């Protein structure tokens, strides 16, 4: 039963993040510099900030967010949320926003 609930919650979360990502992609088109870091998926979250800031000098804020947490929904070209699982590994493509 817990596995079913967990799977349902995970599916809903993935759909939400997909829709949020689609909106972020459209908004990121107006931002300058690199806007996504798919190569970081599976990497250790603690290394992401330095890589992101080195590859886009306009990014001022990089926040590490634990899986299942919520974040502010407004879009900001200077911000990136680094989504990590319970093992500290990045599980979503990092994007401006």
PDB file of N, CA and C in Angstrom:
ATOM      1  N   UNK A   1       0.822  -1.190   0.000  1.00  0.00           N
ATOM      2  CA  UNK A   1       0.000   0.000   0.000  1.00  0.00           C
ATOM      3  C   UNK A   1       0.867   1.254   0.000  1.00  0.00           C
ATOM      4  N   UNK A   2       1.888   1.294   0.869  1.00  0.00           N
ATOM      5  CA  UNK A   2       2.778   2.451   0.922  1.00  0.00           C
ATOM      6  C   UNK A   2       3.513   2.630  -0.398  1.00  0.00           C
ATOM      7  N   UNK A   3       3.888   1.523  -1.033  1.00  0.00           N
ATOM      8  CA  UNK A   3       4.575   1.596  -2.320  1.00  0.00           C
ATOM      9  C   UNK A   3       3.667   2.203  -3.385  1.00  0.00           C
ATOM     10  N   UNK A   4       2.387   1.832  -3.384  1.00  0.00           N
ATOM     11  CA  UNK A   4       1.427   2.374  -4.342  1.00  0.00           C
ATOM     12  C   UNK A   4       1.247   3.877  -4.142  1.00  0.00           C
ATOM     13  N   UNK A   5       1.109   4.290  -2.908  1.00  0.00           N
ATOM     14  CA  UNK A   5       0.961   5.719  -2.604  1.00  0.00           C
ATOM     15  C   UNK A   5       2.221   6.462  -3.010  1.00  0.00           C
ATOM     16  N   UNK A   6       3.368   5.895  -2.688  1.00  0.00           N
ATOM     17  CA  UNK A   6       4.638   6.527  -3.037  1.00  0.00           C
ATOM     18  C   UNK A   6       4.775   6.641  -4.559  1.00  0.00           C
ATOM     19  N   UNK A   7       4.393   5.607  -5.296  1.00  0.00           N
ATOM     20  CA  UNK A   7       4.460   5.641  -6.757  1.00  0.00           C
ATOM     21  C   UNK A   7       3.520   6.697  -7.318  1.00  0.00           C
ATOM     22  N   UNK A   8       2.351   6.820  -6.759  1.00  0.00           N
ATOM     23  CA  UNK A   8       1.373   7.815  -7.214  1.00  0.00           C
ATOM     24  C   UNK A   8       1.889   9.232  -6.949  1.00  0.00           C
ATOM     25  N   UNK A   9       2.447   9.448  -5.761  1.00  0.00           N
ATOM     26  CA  UNK A   9       3.005  10.760  -5.424  1.00  0.00           C
ATOM     27  C   UNK A   9       4.173  11.083  -6.347  1.00  0.00           C
ATOM     28  N   UNK A  10       5.040  10.105  -6.596  1.00  0.00           N
ATOM     29  CA  UNK A  10       6.187  10.301  -7.471  1.00  0.00           C
ATOM     30  C   UNK A  10       5.738  10.629  -8.886  1.00  0.00           C
ATOM     31  N   UNK A  11       4.720   9.940  -9.387  1.00  0.00           N
ATOM     32  CA  UNK A  11       4.196  10.209 -10.722  1.00  0.00           C
ATOM     33  C   UNK A  11       3.631  11.613 -10.833  1.00  0.00           C
ATOM     34  N   UNK A  12       2.902  12.042  -9.813  1.00  0.00           N
ATOM     35  CA  UNK A  12       2.346  13.387  -9.795  1.00  0.00           C
ATOM     36  C   UNK A  12       3.464  14.422  -9.756  1.00  0.00           C
ATOM     37  N   UNK A  13       4.479  14.173  -8.954  1.00  0.00           N
ATOM     38  CA  UNK A  13       5.617  15.094  -8.857  1.00  0.00           C
ATOM     39  C   UNK A  13       6.352  15.194 -10.187  1.00  0.00           C
ATOM     40  N   UNK A  14       6.554  14.071 -10.860  1.00  0.00           N
ATOM     41  CA  UNK A  14       7.243  14.089 -12.145  1.00  0.00           C
ATOM     42  C   UNK A  14       6.446  14.854 -13.192  1.00  0.00           C
ATOM     43  N   UNK A  15       5.134  14.691 -13.196  1.00  0.00           N
ATOM     44  CA  UNK A  15       4.288  15.436 -14.123  1.00  0.00           C
ATOM     45  C   UNK A  15       4.379  16.926 -13.832  1.00  0.00           C
ATOM     46  N   UNK A  16       4.317  17.298 -12.567  1.00  0.00           N
ATOM     47  CA  UNK A  16       4.439  18.697 -12.174  1.00  0.00           C
ATOM     48  C   UNK A  16       5.768  19.269 -12.640  1.00  0.00           C
ATOM     49  N   UNK A  17       6.863  18.545 -12.405  1.00  0.00           N
ATOM     50  CA  UNK A  17       8.178  19.041 -12.801  1.00  0.00           C
ATOM     51  C   UNK A  17       8.311  19.111 -14.312  1.00  0.00           C
ATOM     52  N   UNK A  18       7.689  18.191 -15.053  1.00  0.00           N
ATOM     53  CA  UNK A  18       7.712  18.247 -16.509  1.00  0.00           C
ATOM     54  C   UNK A  18       7.015  19.511 -16.993  1.00  0.00           C
ATOM     55  N   UNK A  19       5.832  19.787 -16.448  1.00  0.00           N
ATOM     56  CA  UNK A  19       5.099  20.984 -16.852  1.00  0.00           C
ATOM     57  C   UNK A  19       5.846  22.241 -16.464  1.00  0.00           C
ATOM     58  N   UNK A  20       6.427  22.251 -15.282  1.00  0.00           N
ATOM     59  CA  UNK A  20       7.212  23.382 -14.832  1.00  0.00           C
ATOM     60  C   UNK A  20       8.429  23.564 -15.732  1.00  0.00           C
ATOM     61  N   UNK A  21       9.073  22.463 -16.118  1.00  0.00           N
ATOM     62  CA  UNK A  21      10.238  22.532 -16.990  1.00  0.00           C
ATOM     63  C   UNK A  21       9.870  23.082 -18.356  1.00  0.00           C
ATOM     64  N   UNK A  22       8.730  22.688 -18.907  1.00  0.00           N
ATOM     65  CA  UNK A  22       8.307  23.191 -20.207  1.00  0.00           C
ATOM     66  C   UNK A  22       8.120  24.705 -20.151  1.00  0.00           C
ATOM     67  N   UNK A  23       7.529  25.187 -19.086  1.00  0.00           N
ATOM     68  CA  UNK A  23       7.352  26.627 -18.914  1.00  0.00           C
ATOM     69  C   UNK A  23       8.703  27.310 -18.728  1.00  0.00           C
ATOM     70  N   UNK A  24       9.582  26.702 -17.965  1.00  0.00           N
ATOM     71  CA  UNK A  24      10.909  27.265 -17.718  1.00  0.00           C
ATOM     72  C   UNK A  24      11.729  27.338 -18.988  1.00  0.00           C
ATOM     73  N   UNK A  25      11.598  26.345 -19.847  1.00  0.00           N
ATOM     74  CA  UNK A  25      12.336  26.337 -21.114  1.00  0.00           C
ATOM     75  C   UNK A  25      11.933  27.549 -21.945  1.00  0.00           C
ATOM     76  N   UNK A  26      10.639  27.817 -22.017  1.00  0.00           N
ATOM     77  CA  UNK A  26      10.151  28.962 -22.787  1.00  0.00           C
ATOM     78  C   UNK A  26      10.663  30.274 -22.191  1.00  0.00           C
ATOM     79  N   UNK A  27      10.637  30.396 -20.878  1.00  0.00           N
ATOM     80  CA  UNK A  27      11.106  31.614 -20.226  1.00  0.00           C
ATOM     81  C   UNK A  27      12.623  31.742 -20.319  1.00  0.00           C
ATOM     82  N   UNK A  28      13.338  30.631 -20.255  1.00  0.00           N
ATOM     83  CA  UNK A  28      14.799  30.658 -20.312  1.00  0.00           C
ATOM     84  C   UNK A  28      15.293  31.157 -21.663  1.00  0.00           C
ATOM     85  N   UNK A  29      14.454  31.075 -22.688  1.00  0.00           N
ATOM     86  CA  UNK A  29      14.843  31.554 -24.019  1.00  0.00           C
ATOM     87  C   UNK A  29      15.151  33.045 -23.989  1.00  0.00           C
ATOM     88  N   UNK A  30      14.595  33.767 -23.020  1.00  0.00           N
ATOM     89  CA  UNK A  30      14.860  35.201 -22.911  1.00  0.00           C
ATOM     90  C   UNK A  30      16.102  35.493 -22.077  1.00  0.00           C
ATOM     91  N   UNK A  31      16.642  34.500 -21.404  1.00  0.00           N
ATOM     92  CA  UNK A  31      17.823  34.673 -20.561  1.00  0.00           C
ATOM     93  C   UNK A  31      19.093  34.538 -21.397  1.00  0.00           C
ATOM     94  N   UNK A  32      20.177  35.109 -20.916  1.00  0.00           N
ATOM     95  CA  UNK A  32      21.462  35.036 -21.597  1.00  0.00           C
ATOM     96  C   UNK A  32      22.301  33.898 -21.011  1.00  0.00           C
ATOM     97  N   UNK A  33      23.116  33.269 -21.852  1.00  0.00           N
ATOM     98  CA  UNK A  33      24.036  32.227 -21.401  1.00  0.00           C
ATOM     99  C   UNK A  33      23.391  30.856 -21.338  1.00  0.00           C
ATOM    100  N   UNK A  34      24.158  29.902 -20.854  1.00  0.00           N
ATOM    101  CA  UNK A  34      23.687  28.524 -20.748  1.00  0.00           C
ATOM    102  C   UNK A  34      22.490  28.467 -19.811  1.00  0.00           C
ATOM    103  N   UNK A  35      21.467  27.680 -20.183  1.00  0.00           N
ATOM    104  CA  UNK A  35      20.241  27.671 -19.389  1.00  0.00           C
ATOM    105  C   UNK A  35      19.869  26.308 -18.820  1.00  0.00           C
ATOM    106  N   UNK A  36      20.576  25.231 -19.203  1.00  0.00           N
ATOM    107  CA  UNK A  36      20.257  23.895 -18.689  1.00  0.00           C
ATOM    108  C   UNK A  36      21.540  23.082 -18.577  1.00  0.00           C
ATOM    109  N   UNK A  37      21.558  22.168 -17.618  1.00  0.00           N
ATOM    110  CA  UNK A  37      22.728  21.346 -17.345  1.00  0.00           C
ATOM    111  C   UNK A  37      22.347  19.869 -17.255  1.00  0.00           C
ATOM    112  N   UNK A  38      21.948  19.242 -18.361  1.00  0.00           N
ATOM    113  CA  UNK A  38      21.563  17.824 -18.321  1.00  0.00           C
ATOM    114  C   UNK A  38      22.728  16.909 -17.955  1.00  0.00           C
ATOM    115  N   UNK A  39      23.934  17.349 -18.199  1.00  0.00           N
ATOM    116  CA  UNK A  39      25.109  16.532 -17.884  1.00  0.00           C
ATOM    117  C   UNK A  39      25.331  16.355 -16.380  1.00  0.00           C
ATOM    118  N   UNK A  40      24.629  17.123 -15.558  1.00  0.00           N
ATOM    119  CA  UNK A  40      24.784  17.005 -14.103  1.00  0.00           C
ATOM    120  C   UNK A  40      23.894  15.927 -13.484  1.00  0.00           C
ATOM    121  N   UNK A  41      22.912  15.432 -14.218  1.00  0.00           N
ATOM    122  CA  UNK A  41      22.027  14.388 -13.674  1.00  0.00           C
ATOM    123  C   UNK A  41      22.865  13.172 -13.314  1.00  0.00           C
ATOM    124  N   UNK A  42      22.696  12.707 -12.074  1.00  0.00           N
ATOM    125  CA  UNK A  42      23.449  11.564 -11.572  1.00  0.00           C
ATOM    126  C   UNK A  42      24.715  11.955 -10.828  1.00  0.00           C
ATOM    127  N   UNK A  43      25.121  13.221 -10.943  1.00  0.00           N
ATOM    128  CA  UNK A  43      26.325  13.706 -10.258  1.00  0.00           C
ATOM    129  C   UNK A  43      25.979  14.125  -8.838  1.00  0.00           C
ATOM    130  N   UNK A  44      27.013  14.335  -8.053  1.00  0.00           N
ATOM    131  CA  UNK A  44      26.846  14.779  -6.678  1.00  0.00           C
ATOM    132  C   UNK A  44      26.368  16.230  -6.659  1.00  0.00           C
ATOM    133  N   UNK A  45      25.327  16.504  -5.914  1.00  0.00           N
ATOM    134  CA  UNK A  45      24.744  17.840  -5.870  1.00  0.00           C
ATOM    135  C   UNK A  45      25.672  18.908  -5.350  1.00  0.00           C
ATOM    136  N   UNK A  46      26.624  18.554  -4.503  1.00  0.00           N
ATOM    137  CA  UNK A  46      27.518  19.549  -3.921  1.00  0.00           C
ATOM    138  C   UNK A  46      28.471  20.165  -4.939  1.00  0.00           C
ATOM    139  N   UNK A  47      28.661  19.530  -6.082  1.00  0.00           N
ATOM    140  CA  UNK A  47      29.565  20.063  -7.102  1.00  0.00           C
ATOM    141  C   UNK A  47      28.846  20.941  -8.120  1.00  0.00           C
ATOM    142  N   UNK A  48      27.535  20.955  -8.093  1.00  0.00           N
ATOM    143  CA  UNK A  48      26.751  21.639  -9.119  1.00  0.00           C
ATOM    144  C   UNK A  48      26.933  23.151  -9.107  1.00  0.00           C
ATOM    145  N   UNK A  49      26.958  23.772  -7.944  1.00  0.00           N
ATOM    146  CA  UNK A  49      27.004  25.234  -7.877  1.00  0.00           C
ATOM    147  C   UNK A  49      28.206  25.796  -8.624  1.00  0.00           C
ATOM    148  N   UNK A  50      29.382  25.263  -8.376  1.00  0.00           N
ATOM    149  CA  UNK A  50      30.593  25.770  -9.027  1.00  0.00           C
ATOM    150  C   UNK A  50      30.519  25.595 -10.543  1.00  0.00           C
ATOM    151  N   UNK A  51      30.017  24.459 -10.989  1.00  0.00           N
ATOM    152  CA  UNK A  51      29.911  24.188 -12.430  1.00  0.00           C
ATOM    153  C   UNK A  51      28.917  25.149 -13.081  1.00  0.00           C
ATOM    154  N   UNK A  52      27.753  25.310 -12.471  1.00  0.00           N
ATOM    155  CA  UNK A  52      26.713  26.175 -13.032  1.00  0.00           C
ATOM    156  C   UNK A  52      27.197  27.620 -13.108  1.00  0.00           C
ATOM    157  N   UNK A  53      27.787  28.121 -12.031  1.00  0.00           N
ATOM    158  CA  UNK A  53      28.254  29.512 -12.024  1.00  0.00           C
ATOM    159  C   UNK A  53      29.420  29.725 -12.991  1.00  0.00           C
ATOM    160  N   UNK A  54      30.245  28.711 -13.191  1.00  0.00           N
ATOM    161  CA  UNK A  54      31.357  28.832 -14.137  1.00  0.00           C
ATOM    162  C   UNK A  54      30.855  28.864 -15.579  1.00  0.00           C
ATOM    163  N   UNK A  55      29.756  28.165 -15.852  1.00  0.00           N
ATOM    164  CA  UNK A  55      29.242  28.067 -17.213  1.00  0.00           C
ATOM    165  C   UNK A  55      28.215  29.144 -17.557  1.00  0.00           C
ATOM    166  N   UNK A  56      27.705  29.856 -16.548  1.00  0.00           N
ATOM    167  CA  UNK A  56      26.831  30.999 -16.791  1.00  0.00           C
ATOM    168  C   UNK A  56      27.096  32.020 -15.684  1.00  0.00           C
ATOM    169  N   UNK A  57      27.879  33.029 -16.019  1.00  0.00           N
ATOM    170  CA  UNK A  57      28.292  34.026 -15.027  1.00  0.00           C
ATOM    171  C   UNK A  57      27.153  34.934 -14.578  1.00  0.00           C
ATOM    172  N   UNK A  58      26.011  34.844 -15.230  1.00  0.00           N
ATOM    173  CA  UNK A  58      24.848  35.643 -14.828  1.00  0.00           C
ATOM    174  C   UNK A  58      24.054  34.979 -13.693  1.00  0.00           C
ATOM    175  N   UNK A  59      24.328  33.725 -13.427  1.00  0.00           N
ATOM    176  CA  UNK A  59      23.648  33.022 -12.333  1.00  0.00           C
ATOM    177  C   UNK A  59      24.253  33.478 -11.006  1.00  0.00           C
ATOM    178  N   UNK A  60      23.413  34.033 -10.148  1.00  0.00           N
ATOM    179  CA  UNK A  60      23.859  34.515  -8.839  1.00  0.00           C
ATOM    180  C   UNK A  60      23.434  33.604  -7.692  1.00  0.00           C
ATOM    181  N   UNK A  61      22.385  32.826  -7.922  1.00  0.00           N
ATOM    182  CA  UNK A  61      21.811  32.028  -6.850  1.00  0.00           C
ATOM    183  C   UNK A  61      21.652  30.579  -7.294  1.00  0.00           C
ATOM    184  N   UNK A  62      22.277  29.669  -6.567  1.00  0.00           N
ATOM    185  CA  UNK A  62      22.119  28.234  -6.816  1.00  0.00           C
ATOM    186  C   UNK A  62      21.680  27.615  -5.495  1.00  0.00           C
ATOM    187  N   UNK A  63      20.492  27.034  -5.495  1.00  0.00           N
ATOM    188  CA  UNK A  63      19.930  26.454  -4.283  1.00  0.00           C
ATOM    189  C   UNK A  63      19.822  24.940  -4.435  1.00  0.00           C
ATOM    190  N   UNK A  64      20.327  24.206  -3.463  1.00  0.00           N
ATOM    191  CA  UNK A  64      20.174  22.760  -3.446  1.00  0.00           C
ATOM    192  C   UNK A  64      18.856  22.445  -2.743  1.00  0.00           C
ATOM    193  N   UNK A  65      18.018  21.653  -3.423  1.00  0.00           N
ATOM    194  CA  UNK A  65      16.677  21.348  -2.913  1.00  0.00           C
ATOM    195  C   UNK A  65      16.517  19.839  -2.818  1.00  0.00           C
ATOM    196  N   UNK A  66      16.089  19.373  -1.667  1.00  0.00           N
ATOM    197  CA  UNK A  66      15.866  17.949  -1.439  1.00  0.00           C
ATOM    198  C   UNK A  66      14.615  17.489  -2.177  1.00  0.00           C
ATOM    199  N   UNK A  67      14.667  16.283  -2.687  1.00  0.00           N
ATOM    200  CA  UNK A  67      13.522  15.663  -3.365  1.00  0.00           C
ATOM    201  C   UNK A  67      12.288  15.758  -2.475  1.00  0.00           C
ATOM    202  N   UNK A  68      11.172  16.163  -3.052  1.00  0.00           N
ATOM    203  CA  UNK A  68       9.923  16.276  -2.310  1.00  0.00           C
ATOM    204  C   UNK A  68       9.677  17.652  -1.717  1.00  0.00           C
ATOM    205  N   UNK A  69      10.674  18.533  -1.785  1.00  0.00           N
ATOM    206  CA  UNK A  69      10.517  19.885  -1.251  1.00  0.00           C
ATOM    207  C   UNK A  69       9.809  20.768  -2.271  1.00  0.00           C
ATOM    208  N   UNK A  70       9.308  21.892  -1.807  1.00  0.00           N
ATOM    209  CA  UNK A  70       8.693  22.852  -2.721  1.00  0.00           C
ATOM    210  C   UNK A  70       9.569  24.103  -2.776  1.00  0.00           C
ATOM    211  N   UNK A  71       9.448  24.823  -3.880  1.00  0.00           N
ATOM    212  CA  UNK A  71      10.223  26.044  -4.071  1.00  0.00           C
ATOM    213  C   UNK A  71       9.317  27.146  -4.589  1.00  0.00           C
ATOM    214  N   UNK A  72       9.799  28.358  -4.546  1.00  0.00           N
ATOM    215  CA  UNK A  72       9.064  29.500  -5.077  1.00  0.00           C
ATOM    216  C   UNK A  72       8.861  29.300  -6.576  1.00  0.00           C
ATOM    217  N   UNK A  73       7.731  29.723  -7.102  1.00  0.00           N
ATOM    218  CA  UNK A  73       7.384  29.424  -8.488  1.00  0.00           C
ATOM    219  C   UNK A  73       7.680  30.544  -9.482  1.00  0.00           C
ATOM    220  N   UNK A  74       8.100  31.721  -9.002  1.00  0.00           N
ATOM    221  CA  UNK A  74       8.397  32.777  -9.973  1.00  0.00           C
ATOM    222  C   UNK A  74       9.689  32.453 -10.719  1.00  0.00           C
ATOM    223  N   UNK A  75       9.820  32.966 -11.926  1.00  0.00           N
ATOM    224  CA  UNK A  75      10.977  32.683 -12.768  1.00  0.00           C
ATOM    225  C   UNK A  75      12.025  33.777 -12.594  1.00  0.00           C
ATOM    226  N   UNK A  76      13.290  33.375 -12.488  1.00  0.00           N
ATOM    227  CA  UNK A  76      14.389  34.324 -12.332  1.00  0.00           C
ATOM    228  C   UNK A  76      15.594  33.798 -13.113  1.00  0.00           C
ATOM    229  N   UNK A  77      16.049  34.558 -14.093  1.00  0.00           N
ATOM    230  CA  UNK A  77      17.182  34.149 -14.931  1.00  0.00           C
ATOM    231  C   UNK A  77      18.478  33.992 -14.134  1.00  0.00           C
ATOM    232  N   UNK A  78      18.521  34.538 -12.937  1.00  0.00           N
ATOM    233  CA  UNK A  78      19.741  34.493 -12.118  1.00  0.00           C
ATOM    234  C   UNK A  78      19.749  33.323 -11.135  1.00  0.00           C
ATOM    235  N   UNK A  79      18.739  32.453 -11.204  1.00  0.00           N
ATOM    236  CA  UNK A  79      18.581  31.404 -10.192  1.00  0.00           C
ATOM    237  C   UNK A  79      18.501  30.021 -10.825  1.00  0.00           C
ATOM    238  N   UNK A  80      19.098  29.041 -10.120  1.00  0.00           N
ATOM    239  CA  UNK A  80      18.994  27.627 -10.505  1.00  0.00           C
ATOM    240  C   UNK A  80      18.736  26.822  -9.242  1.00  0.00           C
ATOM    241  N   UNK A  81      17.742  25.938  -9.314  1.00  0.00           N
ATOM    242  CA  UNK A  81      17.499  24.991  -8.233  1.00  0.00           C
ATOM    243  C   UNK A  81      18.158  23.673  -8.608  1.00  0.00           C
ATOM    244  N   UNK A  82      18.963  23.136  -7.712  1.00  0.00           N
ATOM    245  CA  UNK A  82      19.629  21.847  -7.918  1.00  0.00           C
ATOM    246  C   UNK A  82      18.835  20.813  -7.128  1.00  0.00           C
ATOM    247  N   UNK A  83      18.129  19.941  -7.847  1.00  0.00           N
ATOM    248  CA  UNK A  83      17.251  18.950  -7.233  1.00  0.00           C
ATOM    249  C   UNK A  83      18.034  17.677  -6.944  1.00  0.00           C
ATOM    250  N   UNK A  84      18.150  17.332  -5.635  1.00  0.00           N
ATOM    251  CA  UNK A  84      18.905  16.144  -5.236  1.00  0.00           C
ATOM    252  C   UNK A  84      18.010  15.152  -4.503  1.00  0.00           C
ATOM    253  N   UNK A  85      18.374  13.870  -4.636  1.00  0.00           N
ATOM    254  CA  UNK A  85      17.627  12.824  -3.926  1.00  0.00           C
ATOM    255  C   UNK A  85      18.219  12.636  -2.526  1.00  0.00           C
ATOM    256  N   UNK A  86      17.755  11.628  -1.822  1.00  0.00           N
ATOM    257  CA  UNK A  86      18.210  11.399  -0.448  1.00  0.00           C
ATOM    258  C   UNK A  86      19.685  11.019  -0.366  1.00  0.00           C
ATOM    259  N   UNK A  87      20.268  10.639  -1.492  1.00  0.00           N
ATOM    260  CA  UNK A  87      21.699  10.290  -1.534  1.00  0.00           C
ATOM    261  C   UNK A  87      22.562  11.462  -1.982  1.00  0.00           C
ATOM    262  N   UNK A  88      21.938  12.638  -2.178  1.00  0.00           N
ATOM    263  CA  UNK A  88      22.670  13.821  -2.600  1.00  0.00           C
ATOM    264  C   UNK A  88      22.995  13.859  -4.081  1.00  0.00           C
ATOM    265  N   UNK A  89      22.371  12.960  -4.852  1.00  0.00           N
ATOM    266  CA  UNK A  89      22.607  12.893  -6.305  1.00  0.00           C
ATOM    267  C   UNK A  89      21.529  13.688  -7.043  1.00  0.00           C
ATOM    268  N   UNK A  90      21.932  14.405  -8.068  1.00  0.00           N
ATOM    269  CA  UNK A  90      21.015  15.189  -8.879  1.00  0.00           C
ATOM    270  C   UNK A  90      20.129  14.248  -9.688  1.00  0.00           C
ATOM    271  N   UNK A  91      18.813  14.468  -9.652  1.00  0.00           N
ATOM    272  CA  UNK A  91      17.898  13.577 -10.358  1.00  0.00           C
ATOM    273  C   UNK A  91      17.048  14.278 -11.411  1.00  0.00           C
ATOM    274  N   UNK A  92      17.136  15.589 -11.521  1.00  0.00           N
ATOM    275  CA  UNK A  92      16.423  16.337 -12.558  1.00  0.00           C
ATOM    276  C   UNK A  92      17.407  17.224 -13.299  1.00  0.00           C
ATOM    277  N   UNK A  93      17.097  17.531 -14.550  1.00  0.00           N
ATOM    278  CA  UNK A  93      17.936  18.460 -15.307  1.00  0.00           C
ATOM    279  C   UNK A  93      17.807  19.839 -14.656  1.00  0.00           C
ATOM    280  N   UNK A  94      18.936  20.441 -14.351  1.00  0.00           N
ATOM    281  CA  UNK A  94      18.959  21.766 -13.739  1.00  0.00           C
ATOM    282  C   UNK A  94      18.729  22.809 -14.823  1.00  0.00           C
ATOM    283  N   UNK A  95      17.845  23.772 -14.539  1.00  0.00           N
ATOM    284  CA  UNK A  95      17.522  24.825 -15.500  1.00  0.00           C
ATOM    285  C   UNK A  95      17.465  26.174 -14.789  1.00  0.00           C
ATOM    286  N   UNK A  96      17.657  27.223 -15.566  1.00  0.00           N
ATOM    287  CA  UNK A  96      17.450  28.563 -15.026  1.00  0.00           C
ATOM    288  C   UNK A  96      16.018  28.667 -14.550  1.00  0.00           C
ATOM    289  N   UNK A  97      15.798  29.460 -13.536  1.00  0.00           N
ATOM    290  CA  UNK A  97      14.425  29.659 -13.113  1.00  0.00           C
ATOM    291  C   UNK A  97      14.298  30.047 -11.705  1.00  0.00           C
TER     292      UNK A  97
END
